[in-house]
Amino acid sequence: MPDMNQMMGMAKNMAKRMEEEMDAINVEGNAGGGMVAVNMDGHKRLKALRIASEVVDPADIEMLQDLILAAVNDAQTKVEEKLKSGLGGMAGGMPGGFPFGAL
């Protein structure tokens, strides 16, 4: 069994790798058949927003708002899926059953 210093070192290395993985994630969320699209990183920060001119109707702003929300939610779901599949296995190397897979 590793000592506490080794475990702390392993945890720091894991945190650094997780941060690098999250920085590398880039997903696109879409709504309205791609009429509204957003790009989001692994920290769930929006990086880009694209809106097709066809959905910009001053008489129906609510529809555009709904499409933007749907695109953002789609991107967030995709980030969560990538985080679960990509980062969930990182905790496997940690002794003592640390719950890092839930991060």
N, C-alpha and C. Protein backbone atom coordinates (compact mmCIF):
# COMPACT_ATOMS: atom_id res chain seq x y z
N MET A 1 0.85 -1.18 0.00
CA MET A 1 0.00 0.00 0.00
C MET A 1 0.89 1.24 0.00
N PRO A 2 0.63 2.19 -0.92
CA PRO A 2 1.44 3.41 -0.97
C PRO A 2 1.24 4.26 0.28
N ASP A 3 2.29 5.03 0.64
CA ASP A 3 2.15 5.90 1.80
C ASP A 3 1.37 7.16 1.41
N MET A 4 1.09 8.01 2.39
CA MET A 4 0.25 9.19 2.17
C MET A 4 0.87 10.14 1.15
N ASN A 5 2.19 10.34 1.19
CA ASN A 5 2.84 11.23 0.23
C ASN A 5 2.70 10.71 -1.20
N GLN A 6 2.83 9.39 -1.37
CA GLN A 6 2.66 8.81 -2.70
C GLN A 6 1.23 8.99 -3.17
N MET A 7 0.28 8.79 -2.27
CA MET A 7 -1.12 8.95 -2.64
C MET A 7 -1.43 10.39 -3.02
N MET A 8 -0.87 11.35 -2.28
CA MET A 8 -1.07 12.76 -2.61
C MET A 8 -0.46 13.09 -3.97
N GLY A 9 0.71 12.54 -4.23
CA GLY A 9 1.34 12.75 -5.54
C GLY A 9 0.50 12.17 -6.66
N MET A 10 -0.05 10.98 -6.42
CA MET A 10 -0.91 10.36 -7.43
C MET A 10 -2.16 11.21 -7.66
N ALA A 11 -2.72 11.74 -6.59
CA ALA A 11 -3.92 12.57 -6.71
C ALA A 11 -3.62 13.85 -7.49
N LYS A 12 -2.45 14.46 -7.24
CA LYS A 12 -2.07 15.67 -7.97
C LYS A 12 -1.88 15.38 -9.45
N ASN A 13 -1.23 14.26 -9.75
CA ASN A 13 -1.04 13.88 -11.15
C ASN A 13 -2.38 13.63 -11.83
N MET A 14 -3.28 12.97 -11.12
CA MET A 14 -4.60 12.70 -11.68
C MET A 14 -5.35 14.00 -11.93
N ALA A 15 -5.28 14.93 -10.99
CA ALA A 15 -5.97 16.21 -11.16
C ALA A 15 -5.42 16.96 -12.37
N LYS A 16 -4.11 16.91 -12.55
CA LYS A 16 -3.49 17.57 -13.71
C LYS A 16 -3.97 16.92 -15.01
N ARG A 17 -4.00 15.60 -15.04
CA ARG A 17 -4.47 14.89 -16.24
C ARG A 17 -5.93 15.18 -16.52
N MET A 18 -6.73 15.25 -15.47
CA MET A 18 -8.16 15.56 -15.65
C MET A 18 -8.32 16.96 -16.23
N GLU A 19 -7.55 17.91 -15.73
CA GLU A 19 -7.61 19.28 -16.24
C GLU A 19 -7.23 19.32 -17.71
N GLU A 20 -6.19 18.59 -18.09
CA GLU A 20 -5.77 18.53 -19.49
C GLU A 20 -6.85 17.90 -20.36
N GLU A 21 -7.47 16.84 -19.85
CA GLU A 21 -8.55 16.18 -20.59
C GLU A 21 -9.73 17.13 -20.79
N MET A 22 -10.09 17.87 -19.75
CA MET A 22 -11.22 18.78 -19.85
C MET A 22 -10.92 19.92 -20.82
N ASP A 23 -9.67 20.40 -20.81
CA ASP A 23 -9.28 21.45 -21.76
C ASP A 23 -9.37 20.95 -23.20
N ALA A 24 -9.08 19.68 -23.42
CA ALA A 24 -9.05 19.12 -24.77
C ALA A 24 -10.44 18.80 -25.32
N ILE A 25 -11.42 18.70 -24.46
CA ILE A 25 -12.78 18.36 -24.92
C ILE A 25 -13.36 19.55 -25.68
N ASN A 26 -13.95 19.26 -26.84
CA ASN A 26 -14.66 20.26 -27.63
C ASN A 26 -15.85 19.56 -28.26
N VAL A 27 -17.03 19.96 -27.85
CA VAL A 27 -18.24 19.34 -28.39
C VAL A 27 -19.09 20.40 -29.06
N GLU A 28 -19.95 19.93 -29.96
CA GLU A 28 -20.91 20.82 -30.60
C GLU A 28 -22.31 20.36 -30.25
N GLY A 29 -23.10 21.29 -29.77
CA GLY A 29 -24.51 21.02 -29.50
C GLY A 29 -25.35 21.70 -30.57
N ASN A 30 -26.40 21.03 -31.01
CA ASN A 30 -27.23 21.55 -32.09
C ASN A 30 -28.69 21.55 -31.70
N ALA A 31 -29.44 22.41 -32.37
CA ALA A 31 -30.90 22.43 -32.24
C ALA A 31 -31.47 22.93 -33.56
N GLY A 32 -32.71 22.55 -33.80
CA GLY A 32 -33.37 22.99 -35.02
C GLY A 32 -32.69 22.47 -36.27
N GLY A 33 -32.23 21.23 -36.21
CA GLY A 33 -31.58 20.64 -37.38
C GLY A 33 -30.28 21.34 -37.74
N GLY A 34 -29.57 21.87 -36.74
CA GLY A 34 -28.31 22.54 -36.98
C GLY A 34 -28.44 24.03 -37.24
N MET A 35 -29.65 24.54 -37.14
CA MET A 35 -29.86 25.98 -37.37
C MET A 35 -29.23 26.81 -36.25
N VAL A 36 -29.13 26.24 -35.06
CA VAL A 36 -28.43 26.86 -33.94
C VAL A 36 -27.41 25.84 -33.45
N ALA A 37 -26.16 26.28 -33.33
CA ALA A 37 -25.09 25.39 -32.88
C ALA A 37 -24.20 26.13 -31.90
N VAL A 38 -23.73 25.41 -30.89
CA VAL A 38 -22.79 25.96 -29.92
C VAL A 38 -21.61 25.01 -29.78
N ASN A 39 -20.45 25.57 -29.49
CA ASN A 39 -19.28 24.76 -29.15
C ASN A 39 -18.98 25.01 -27.68
N MET A 40 -18.64 23.92 -26.98
CA MET A 40 -18.41 23.98 -25.54
C MET A 40 -17.19 23.13 -25.20
N ASP A 41 -16.41 23.60 -24.21
CA ASP A 41 -15.27 22.81 -23.76
C ASP A 41 -15.67 21.93 -22.58
N GLY A 42 -14.71 21.18 -22.06
CA GLY A 42 -14.98 20.25 -20.98
C GLY A 42 -15.33 20.91 -19.66
N HIS A 43 -15.08 22.20 -19.56
CA HIS A 43 -15.46 22.95 -18.36
C HIS A 43 -16.86 23.53 -18.51
N LYS A 44 -17.52 23.18 -19.62
CA LYS A 44 -18.87 23.65 -19.95
C LYS A 44 -18.89 25.16 -20.20
N ARG A 45 -17.80 25.67 -20.76
CA ARG A 45 -17.75 27.07 -21.17
C ARG A 45 -18.08 27.13 -22.66
N LEU A 46 -18.98 28.04 -23.02
CA LEU A 46 -19.31 28.21 -24.42
C LEU A 46 -18.13 28.86 -25.13
N LYS A 47 -17.77 28.30 -26.27
CA LYS A 47 -16.66 28.82 -27.06
C LYS A 47 -17.14 29.48 -28.34
N ALA A 48 -18.30 29.07 -28.83
CA ALA A 48 -18.84 29.65 -30.06
C ALA A 48 -20.34 29.45 -30.10
N LEU A 49 -21.01 30.35 -30.79
CA LEU A 49 -22.45 30.28 -31.00
C LEU A 49 -22.71 30.67 -32.45
N ARG A 50 -23.42 29.80 -33.17
CA ARG A 50 -23.77 30.10 -34.55
C ARG A 50 -25.28 30.00 -34.70
N ILE A 51 -25.85 31.03 -35.32
CA ILE A 51 -27.29 31.07 -35.55
C ILE A 51 -27.53 31.33 -37.03
N ALA A 52 -28.25 30.44 -37.68
CA ALA A 52 -28.59 30.63 -39.09
C ALA A 52 -29.59 31.78 -39.21
N SER A 53 -29.40 32.59 -40.22
CA SER A 53 -30.27 33.77 -40.40
C SER A 53 -31.73 33.38 -40.57
N GLU A 54 -31.99 32.18 -41.04
CA GLU A 54 -33.37 31.74 -41.26
C GLU A 54 -34.18 31.64 -39.97
N VAL A 55 -33.52 31.48 -38.83
CA VAL A 55 -34.27 31.34 -37.58
C VAL A 55 -34.38 32.66 -36.82
N VAL A 56 -33.84 33.72 -37.38
CA VAL A 56 -33.93 35.03 -36.73
C VAL A 56 -35.19 35.72 -37.24
N ASP A 57 -36.24 35.62 -36.45
CA ASP A 57 -37.53 36.22 -36.78
C ASP A 57 -37.92 37.12 -35.62
N PRO A 58 -37.86 38.45 -35.82
CA PRO A 58 -38.20 39.36 -34.72
C PRO A 58 -39.60 39.12 -34.14
N ALA A 59 -40.46 38.53 -34.92
CA ALA A 59 -41.81 38.26 -34.44
C ALA A 59 -41.88 36.99 -33.58
N ASP A 60 -40.80 36.21 -33.57
CA ASP A 60 -40.81 34.95 -32.82
C ASP A 60 -39.49 34.74 -32.09
N ILE A 61 -39.16 35.67 -31.23
CA ILE A 61 -37.92 35.60 -30.45
C ILE A 61 -37.92 34.39 -29.53
N GLU A 62 -39.07 34.00 -29.02
CA GLU A 62 -39.15 32.85 -28.12
C GLU A 62 -38.64 31.57 -28.78
N MET A 63 -38.93 31.39 -30.06
CA MET A 63 -38.44 30.20 -30.75
C MET A 63 -36.91 30.20 -30.78
N LEU A 64 -36.31 31.35 -31.09
CA LEU A 64 -34.85 31.44 -31.13
C LEU A 64 -34.27 31.17 -29.74
N GLN A 65 -34.88 31.72 -28.72
CA GLN A 65 -34.41 31.48 -27.36
C GLN A 65 -34.48 29.99 -27.02
N ASP A 66 -35.57 29.35 -27.40
CA ASP A 66 -35.71 27.91 -27.15
C ASP A 66 -34.65 27.11 -27.89
N LEU A 67 -34.35 27.50 -29.13
CA LEU A 67 -33.33 26.79 -29.90
C LEU A 67 -31.94 26.95 -29.27
N ILE A 68 -31.65 28.15 -28.79
CA ILE A 68 -30.35 28.38 -28.14
C ILE A 68 -30.24 27.53 -26.88
N LEU A 69 -31.29 27.53 -26.06
CA LEU A 69 -31.27 26.71 -24.85
C LEU A 69 -31.11 25.23 -25.18
N ALA A 70 -31.81 24.77 -26.20
CA ALA A 70 -31.72 23.36 -26.59
C ALA A 70 -30.32 23.02 -27.07
N ALA A 71 -29.68 23.91 -27.82
CA ALA A 71 -28.32 23.66 -28.30
C ALA A 71 -27.33 23.62 -27.14
N VAL A 72 -27.48 24.54 -26.18
CA VAL A 72 -26.59 24.55 -25.01
C VAL A 72 -26.79 23.28 -24.19
N ASN A 73 -28.02 22.89 -23.97
CA ASN A 73 -28.29 21.67 -23.21
C ASN A 73 -27.74 20.44 -23.92
N ASP A 74 -27.84 20.41 -25.24
CA ASP A 74 -27.29 19.30 -26.02
C ASP A 74 -25.78 19.23 -25.84
N ALA A 75 -25.11 20.39 -25.89
CA ALA A 75 -23.66 20.42 -25.71
C ALA A 75 -23.28 19.97 -24.30
N GLN A 76 -24.02 20.42 -23.29
CA GLN A 76 -23.73 20.02 -21.92
C GLN A 76 -23.86 18.51 -21.74
N THR A 77 -24.88 17.94 -22.34
CA THR A 77 -25.06 16.49 -22.27
C THR A 77 -23.88 15.77 -22.91
N LYS A 78 -23.41 16.27 -24.04
CA LYS A 78 -22.27 15.66 -24.72
C LYS A 78 -20.99 15.78 -23.90
N VAL A 79 -20.80 16.92 -23.23
CA VAL A 79 -19.64 17.08 -22.35
C VAL A 79 -19.71 16.05 -21.23
N GLU A 80 -20.87 15.92 -20.60
CA GLU A 80 -21.04 14.95 -19.51
C GLU A 80 -20.72 13.53 -19.98
N GLU A 81 -21.19 13.18 -21.17
CA GLU A 81 -20.92 11.84 -21.70
C GLU A 81 -19.42 11.64 -21.92
N LYS A 82 -18.74 12.65 -22.46
CA LYS A 82 -17.30 12.53 -22.68
C LYS A 82 -16.56 12.43 -21.35
N LEU A 83 -16.98 13.23 -20.38
CA LEU A 83 -16.32 13.18 -19.08
C LEU A 83 -16.49 11.82 -18.42
N LYS A 84 -17.70 11.28 -18.49
CA LYS A 84 -17.94 9.97 -17.88
C LYS A 84 -17.14 8.88 -18.56
N SER A 85 -17.07 8.92 -19.88
CA SER A 85 -16.36 7.85 -20.59
C SER A 85 -14.85 8.06 -20.55
N GLY A 86 -14.40 9.30 -20.59
CA GLY A 86 -12.97 9.55 -20.66
C GLY A 86 -12.28 9.66 -19.32
N LEU A 87 -12.92 10.27 -18.35
CA LEU A 87 -12.28 10.50 -17.06
C LEU A 87 -12.66 9.47 -16.02
N GLY A 88 -13.74 8.77 -16.22
CA GLY A 88 -14.20 7.81 -15.23
C GLY A 88 -13.20 6.72 -14.94
N GLY A 89 -12.42 6.33 -15.93
CA GLY A 89 -11.46 5.26 -15.74
C GLY A 89 -10.17 5.70 -15.08
N MET A 90 -9.96 7.00 -14.93
CA MET A 90 -8.71 7.49 -14.34
C MET A 90 -8.55 7.07 -12.89
N ALA A 91 -9.64 6.93 -12.17
CA ALA A 91 -9.56 6.60 -10.75
C ALA A 91 -9.13 5.16 -10.53
N GLY A 92 -9.10 4.38 -11.57
CA GLY A 92 -8.74 2.98 -11.43
C GLY A 92 -7.36 2.76 -10.84
N GLY A 93 -6.45 3.71 -11.06
CA GLY A 93 -5.11 3.57 -10.53
C GLY A 93 -4.95 4.04 -9.11
N MET A 94 -6.00 4.59 -8.53
CA MET A 94 -5.92 5.11 -7.18
C MET A 94 -6.21 4.01 -6.17
N PRO A 95 -5.36 3.88 -5.16
CA PRO A 95 -5.61 2.88 -4.12
C PRO A 95 -6.70 3.35 -3.17
N GLY A 96 -7.27 2.43 -2.46
CA GLY A 96 -8.20 2.76 -1.40
C GLY A 96 -9.58 3.16 -1.86
N GLY A 97 -9.88 2.99 -3.13
CA GLY A 97 -11.23 3.27 -3.61
C GLY A 97 -11.62 4.73 -3.58
N PHE A 98 -10.68 5.64 -3.84
CA PHE A 98 -11.03 7.05 -3.88
C PHE A 98 -12.09 7.29 -4.93
N PRO A 99 -13.09 8.11 -4.64
CA PRO A 99 -14.21 8.31 -5.56
C PRO A 99 -13.94 9.35 -6.64
N PHE A 100 -12.74 9.36 -7.23
CA PHE A 100 -12.42 10.35 -8.24
C PHE A 100 -13.17 10.14 -9.53
N GLY A 101 -13.69 8.97 -9.77
CA GLY A 101 -14.45 8.72 -10.99
C GLY A 101 -15.73 9.52 -11.05
N ALA A 102 -16.21 10.00 -9.91
CA ALA A 102 -17.45 10.78 -9.89
C ALA A 102 -17.21 12.25 -10.15
N LEU A 103 -15.97 12.68 -10.31
CA LEU A 103 -15.68 14.11 -10.54
C LEU A 103 -16.09 14.54 -11.90
